[in-house]
Amino acid sequence: MELLILFTIAVSLSMDAFSLSLAYGTLNLEKKDINNLSLIVGIYHFFMPLLGMFIGNIVLKFIPIKPDVVVFIVLLFIGIQMVFESFKKEEKIEPMSKIELLLFGLAVSIDSFSVGIGLNTITKNYLLSSTLFSISAFLFTYLGLILGKKISEIIGRVATTIGGLALIIIAFIYLFKM
């Protein structure tokens, strides 16, 4: 039963990564960026629950900021950047910067940090849970980026604009769900 619960949590945590990857994939990213971004998200989803479990309660006592505010700022920034990107006239897609890759990974992994705070109430097998979270996030991110790229090939720049607007809307949803 514990494994089923962990698997369900892993898939649930991956849904953010999937939906945002779907939107971000409309930038028609290169294969290298898709692989790197998927790997980064997977790595974040491995370590964030562990960090949440070990230091989350302490940090949240000293810094009373909700993780949703951090997600809002990051997603808003990425979304606005995507909308501006869709209006550029040049056809060459620039590779994602390391900062963009890391910020995206962080944005979709904040929830796994929060889950980590209560993880010890669900399981004592922390490495198994983090591994499940990591694999699931990697796969869903990869799938979202590939599907987003396919959508972009079909409807072009409109997909990038829609993807950017979707990220901005999701950012505000995170802000107002607090």
C-alpha atoms as a PDB file:
ATOM      1  CA  MET A   1       0.000   0.000   0.000  1.00  0.00           C
ATOM      2  CA  GLU A   2       2.857   2.365   0.839  1.00  0.00           C
ATOM      3  CA  LEU A   3       4.345   1.864  -2.639  1.00  0.00           C
ATOM      4  CA  LEU A   4       1.017   2.703  -4.278  1.00  0.00           C
ATOM      5  CA  ILE A   5       0.767   5.894  -2.222  1.00  0.00           C
ATOM      6  CA  LEU A   6       4.333   6.885  -3.155  1.00  0.00           C
ATOM      7  CA  PHE A   7       3.663   6.169  -6.835  1.00  0.00           C
ATOM      8  CA  THR A   8       0.497   8.281  -6.715  1.00  0.00           C
ATOM      9  CA  ILE A   9       2.396  11.154  -5.092  1.00  0.00           C
ATOM     10  CA  ALA A  10       5.178  10.812  -7.694  1.00  0.00           C
ATOM     11  CA  VAL A  11       2.713  11.086 -10.580  1.00  0.00           C
ATOM     12  CA  SER A  12       0.887  13.970  -8.892  1.00  0.00           C
ATOM     13  CA  LEU A  13       4.121  15.888  -8.389  1.00  0.00           C
ATOM     14  CA  SER A  14       4.999  15.249 -12.026  1.00  0.00           C
ATOM     15  CA  MET A  15       1.807  16.814 -13.351  1.00  0.00           C
ATOM     16  CA  ASP A  16       3.173  20.331 -12.756  1.00  0.00           C
ATOM     17  CA  ALA A  17       6.320  19.378 -14.613  1.00  0.00           C
ATOM     18  CA  PHE A  18       4.273  17.900 -17.448  1.00  0.00           C
ATOM     19  CA  SER A  19       1.924  20.846 -17.901  1.00  0.00           C
ATOM     20  CA  LEU A  20       4.698  23.429 -17.731  1.00  0.00           C
ATOM     21  CA  SER A  21       6.917  21.337 -20.015  1.00  0.00           C
ATOM     22  CA  LEU A  22       4.091  21.140 -22.504  1.00  0.00           C
ATOM     23  CA  ALA A  23       3.937  24.936 -22.557  1.00  0.00           C
ATOM     24  CA  TYR A  24       7.713  25.386 -22.591  1.00  0.00           C
ATOM     25  CA  GLY A  25       8.138  22.745 -25.290  1.00  0.00           C
ATOM     26  CA  THR A  26       6.348  25.071 -27.704  1.00  0.00           C
ATOM     27  CA  LEU A  27       9.620  27.017 -27.941  1.00  0.00           C
ATOM     28  CA  ASN A  28      10.718  24.226 -30.300  1.00  0.00           C
ATOM     29  CA  LEU A  29      13.689  23.360 -28.118  1.00  0.00           C
ATOM     30  CA  GLU A  30      16.672  21.433 -29.368  1.00  0.00           C
ATOM     31  CA  LYS A  31      16.999  17.775 -28.398  1.00  0.00           C
ATOM     32  CA  LYS A  32      19.945  18.644 -26.116  1.00  0.00           C
ATOM     33  CA  ASP A  33      17.818  21.165 -24.184  1.00  0.00           C
ATOM     34  CA  ILE A  34      14.953  18.679 -23.886  1.00  0.00           C
ATOM     35  CA  ASN A  35      17.293  16.048 -22.462  1.00  0.00           C
ATOM     36  CA  ASN A  36      19.051  18.508 -20.133  1.00  0.00           C
ATOM     37  CA  LEU A  37      15.817  20.013 -18.852  1.00  0.00           C
ATOM     38  CA  SER A  38      14.263  16.595 -18.233  1.00  0.00           C
ATOM     39  CA  LEU A  39      17.377  15.483 -16.374  1.00  0.00           C
ATOM     40  CA  ILE A  40      17.503  18.655 -14.278  1.00  0.00           C
ATOM     41  CA  VAL A  41      13.842  18.298 -13.293  1.00  0.00           C
ATOM     42  CA  GLY A  42      14.445  14.651 -12.394  1.00  0.00           C
ATOM     43  CA  ILE A  43      17.448  15.568 -10.248  1.00  0.00           C
ATOM     44  CA  TYR A  44      15.518  18.350  -8.498  1.00  0.00           C
ATOM     45  CA  HIS A  45      12.675  15.925  -7.772  1.00  0.00           C
ATOM     46  CA  PHE A  46      15.151  13.548  -6.158  1.00  0.00           C
ATOM     47  CA  PHE A  47      16.785  16.080  -3.848  1.00  0.00           C
ATOM     48  CA  MET A  48      13.955  18.503  -3.065  1.00  0.00           C
ATOM     49  CA  PRO A  49      11.864  16.044  -0.998  1.00  0.00           C
ATOM     50  CA  LEU A  50      14.973  15.079   0.945  1.00  0.00           C
ATOM     51  CA  LEU A  51      15.806  18.723   1.565  1.00  0.00           C
ATOM     52  CA  GLY A  52      12.215  19.388   2.528  1.00  0.00           C
ATOM     53  CA  MET A  53      12.290  16.527   4.967  1.00  0.00           C
ATOM     54  CA  PHE A  54      15.592  17.433   6.585  1.00  0.00           C
ATOM     55  CA  ILE A  55      15.547  21.226   6.649  1.00  0.00           C
ATOM     56  CA  GLY A  56      12.100  22.328   5.479  1.00  0.00           C
ATOM     57  CA  ASN A  57      10.494  22.716   8.860  1.00  0.00           C
ATOM     58  CA  ILE A  58      13.446  24.703  10.202  1.00  0.00           C
ATOM     59  CA  VAL A  59      13.662  27.008   7.184  1.00  0.00           C
ATOM     60  CA  LEU A  60       9.937  27.718   7.102  1.00  0.00           C
ATOM     61  CA  LYS A  61      10.060  28.752  10.776  1.00  0.00           C
ATOM     62  CA  PHE A  62      12.744  31.364  10.073  1.00  0.00           C
ATOM     63  CA  ILE A  63      11.629  32.480   6.603  1.00  0.00           C
ATOM     64  CA  PRO A  64       7.845  32.701   6.473  1.00  0.00           C
ATOM     65  CA  ILE A  65       7.568  32.698   2.668  1.00  0.00           C
ATOM     66  CA  LYS A  66       5.204  30.347   0.952  1.00  0.00           C
ATOM     67  CA  PRO A  67       6.683  28.175  -1.793  1.00  0.00           C
ATOM     68  CA  ASP A  68       3.832  29.320  -4.053  1.00  0.00           C
ATOM     69  CA  VAL A  69       5.268  32.861  -4.102  1.00  0.00           C
ATOM     70  CA  VAL A  70       8.600  31.543  -5.400  1.00  0.00           C
ATOM     71  CA  VAL A  71       6.798  29.481  -8.060  1.00  0.00           C
ATOM     72  CA  PHE A  72       4.726  32.542  -9.052  1.00  0.00           C
ATOM     73  CA  ILE A  73       7.812  34.710  -9.589  1.00  0.00           C
ATOM     74  CA  VAL A  74       9.696  32.083 -11.586  1.00  0.00           C
ATOM     75  CA  LEU A  75       6.729  31.085 -13.781  1.00  0.00           C
ATOM     76  CA  LEU A  76       5.738  34.698 -14.402  1.00  0.00           C
ATOM     77  CA  PHE A  77       9.287  35.501 -15.518  1.00  0.00           C
ATOM     78  CA  ILE A  78       9.490  32.478 -17.840  1.00  0.00           C
ATOM     79  CA  GLY A  79       5.986  33.090 -19.227  1.00  0.00           C
ATOM     80  CA  ILE A  80       6.641  36.746 -20.037  1.00  0.00           C
ATOM     81  CA  GLN A  81       9.928  35.781 -21.662  1.00  0.00           C
ATOM     82  CA  MET A  82       8.135  33.173 -23.819  1.00  0.00           C
ATOM     83  CA  VAL A  83       5.498  35.677 -24.964  1.00  0.00           C
ATOM     84  CA  PHE A  84       8.223  38.142 -25.990  1.00  0.00           C
ATOM     85  CA  GLU A  85      10.125  35.303 -27.679  1.00  0.00           C
ATOM     86  CA  SER A  86       7.081  34.496 -29.809  1.00  0.00           C
ATOM     87  CA  PHE A  87       7.109  37.995 -31.317  1.00  0.00           C
ATOM     88  CA  LYS A  88      10.788  37.918 -32.320  1.00  0.00           C
ATOM     89  CA  LYS A  89      11.291  37.791 -36.057  1.00  0.00           C
ATOM     90  CA  GLU A  90      14.378  35.609 -36.105  1.00  0.00           C
ATOM     91  CA  GLU A  91      13.759  31.932 -36.753  1.00  0.00           C
ATOM     92  CA  LYS A  92      16.864  30.582 -35.026  1.00  0.00           C
ATOM     93  CA  ILE A  93      16.031  29.116 -31.620  1.00  0.00           C
ATOM     94  CA  GLU A  94      18.648  29.963 -29.050  1.00  0.00           C
ATOM     95  CA  PRO A  95      19.705  27.180 -26.688  1.00  0.00           C
ATOM     96  CA  MET A  96      18.369  27.602 -23.183  1.00  0.00           C
ATOM     97  CA  SER A  97      20.796  29.197 -20.777  1.00  0.00           C
ATOM     98  CA  LYS A  98      21.902  27.259 -17.726  1.00  0.00           C
ATOM     99  CA  ILE A  99      19.985  29.715 -15.541  1.00  0.00           C
ATOM    100  CA  GLU A 100      16.773  29.116 -17.521  1.00  0.00           C
ATOM    101  CA  LEU A 101      17.200  25.354 -17.161  1.00  0.00           C
ATOM    102  CA  LEU A 102      17.816  25.612 -13.413  1.00  0.00           C
ATOM    103  CA  LEU A 103      14.958  28.072 -12.804  1.00  0.00           C
ATOM    104  CA  PHE A 104      12.500  25.909 -14.709  1.00  0.00           C
ATOM    105  CA  GLY A 105      13.630  22.848 -12.751  1.00  0.00           C
ATOM    106  CA  LEU A 106      13.265  24.738  -9.494  1.00  0.00           C
ATOM    107  CA  ALA A 107       9.818  26.059 -10.387  1.00  0.00           C
ATOM    108  CA  VAL A 108       8.379  22.618 -11.052  1.00  0.00           C
ATOM    109  CA  SER A 109      10.116  21.071  -8.037  1.00  0.00           C
ATOM    110  CA  ILE A 110       8.952  23.386  -5.259  1.00  0.00           C
ATOM    111  CA  ASP A 111       5.971  21.099  -4.595  1.00  0.00           C
ATOM    112  CA  SER A 112       8.298  18.162  -4.012  1.00  0.00           C
ATOM    113  CA  PHE A 113      10.082  20.210  -1.346  1.00  0.00           C
ATOM    114  CA  SER A 114       6.736  20.755   0.368  1.00  0.00           C
ATOM    115  CA  VAL A 115       5.919  17.049   0.138  1.00  0.00           C
ATOM    116  CA  GLY A 116       9.293  16.325   1.694  1.00  0.00           C
ATOM    117  CA  ILE A 117       8.299  18.208   4.835  1.00  0.00           C
ATOM    118  CA  GLY A 118       5.658  15.578   5.574  1.00  0.00           C
ATOM    119  CA  LEU A 119       7.386  12.643   3.874  1.00  0.00           C
ATOM    120  CA  ASN A 120       8.419  10.976   7.127  1.00  0.00           C
ATOM    121  CA  THR A 121       4.742  10.602   8.030  1.00  0.00           C
ATOM    122  CA  ILE A 122       4.182   8.561   4.840  1.00  0.00           C
ATOM    123  CA  THR A 123       7.304   6.400   4.632  1.00  0.00           C
ATOM    124  CA  LYS A 124      10.632   5.708   6.214  1.00  0.00           C
ATOM    125  CA  ASN A 125      12.077   4.665   2.854  1.00  0.00           C
ATOM    126  CA  TYR A 126      13.238   8.107   1.778  1.00  0.00           C
ATOM    127  CA  LEU A 127      15.537   6.992  -1.020  1.00  0.00           C
ATOM    128  CA  LEU A 128      12.841   4.885  -2.681  1.00  0.00           C
ATOM    129  CA  SER A 129      10.356   7.751  -2.559  1.00  0.00           C
ATOM    130  CA  SER A 130      12.849  10.273  -3.923  1.00  0.00           C
ATOM    131  CA  THR A 131      13.845   7.854  -6.681  1.00  0.00           C
ATOM    132  CA  LEU A 132      10.200   7.354  -7.674  1.00  0.00           C
ATOM    133  CA  PHE A 133       9.634  11.118  -7.654  1.00  0.00           C
ATOM    134  CA  SER A 134      12.755  11.641  -9.772  1.00  0.00           C
ATOM    135  CA  ILE A 135      11.976   9.025 -12.428  1.00  0.00           C
ATOM    136  CA  SER A 136       8.371  10.128 -12.722  1.00  0.00           C
ATOM    137  CA  ALA A 137       9.311  13.813 -13.034  1.00  0.00           C
ATOM    138  CA  PHE A 138      11.976  13.043 -15.644  1.00  0.00           C
ATOM    139  CA  LEU A 139       9.554  11.016 -17.778  1.00  0.00           C
ATOM    140  CA  PHE A 140       6.666  13.490 -17.541  1.00  0.00           C
ATOM    141  CA  THR A 141       8.941  16.463 -18.276  1.00  0.00           C
ATOM    142  CA  TYR A 142      10.416  14.714 -21.296  1.00  0.00           C
ATOM    143  CA  LEU A 143       6.975  13.754 -22.594  1.00  0.00           C
ATOM    144  CA  GLY A 144       5.635  17.295 -22.074  1.00  0.00           C
ATOM    145  CA  LEU A 145       8.569  18.882 -23.885  1.00  0.00           C
ATOM    146  CA  ILE A 146       8.266  16.479 -26.831  1.00  0.00           C
ATOM    147  CA  LEU A 147       4.501  17.008 -27.113  1.00  0.00           C
ATOM    148  CA  GLY A 148       4.954  20.786 -26.828  1.00  0.00           C
ATOM    149  CA  LYS A 149       7.504  20.667 -29.635  1.00  0.00           C
ATOM    150  CA  LYS A 150       5.075  18.693 -31.830  1.00  0.00           C
ATOM    151  CA  ILE A 151       2.319  21.220 -31.127  1.00  0.00           C
ATOM    152  CA  SER A 152       4.720  24.024 -32.040  1.00  0.00           C
ATOM    153  CA  GLU A 153       5.571  22.331 -35.341  1.00  0.00           C
ATOM    154  CA  ILE A 154       1.869  22.154 -36.170  1.00  0.00           C
ATOM    155  CA  ILE A 155       0.717  25.658 -35.205  1.00  0.00           C
ATOM    156  CA  GLY A 156       4.021  27.570 -34.970  1.00  0.00           C
ATOM    157  CA  ARG A 157       4.474  30.862 -33.116  1.00  0.00           C
ATOM    158  CA  VAL A 158       0.911  30.875 -31.856  1.00  0.00           C
ATOM    159  CA  ALA A 159       1.821  27.839 -29.752  1.00  0.00           C
ATOM    160  CA  THR A 160       4.710  29.733 -28.136  1.00  0.00           C
ATOM    161  CA  THR A 161       2.450  32.669 -27.313  1.00  0.00           C
ATOM    162  CA  ILE A 162      -0.213  30.342 -25.909  1.00  0.00           C
ATOM    163  CA  GLY A 163       2.459  28.458 -23.928  1.00  0.00           C
ATOM    164  CA  GLY A 164       3.800  31.697 -22.457  1.00  0.00           C
ATOM    165  CA  LEU A 165       0.324  32.909 -21.568  1.00  0.00           C
ATOM    166  CA  ALA A 166      -0.426  29.528 -19.983  1.00  0.00           C
ATOM    167  CA  LEU A 167       2.653  29.872 -17.761  1.00  0.00           C
ATOM    168  CA  ILE A 168       1.600  33.371 -16.720  1.00  0.00           C
ATOM    169  CA  ILE A 169      -1.911  32.112 -15.870  1.00  0.00           C
ATOM    170  CA  ILE A 170      -0.467  29.177 -13.913  1.00  0.00           C
ATOM    171  CA  ALA A 171       1.819  31.619 -12.066  1.00  0.00           C
ATOM    172  CA  PHE A 172      -1.194  33.662 -10.950  1.00  0.00           C
ATOM    173  CA  ILE A 173      -3.043  30.495  -9.961  1.00  0.00           C
ATOM    174  CA  TYR A 174      -0.128  29.635  -7.687  1.00  0.00           C
ATOM    175  CA  LEU A 175      -0.155  33.145  -6.247  1.00  0.00           C
ATOM    176  CA  PHE A 176      -3.877  33.201  -5.522  1.00  0.00           C
ATOM    177  CA  LYS A 177      -4.157  29.672  -4.138  1.00  0.00           C
ATOM    178  CA  MET A 178      -2.240  30.814  -1.056  1.00  0.00           C
END
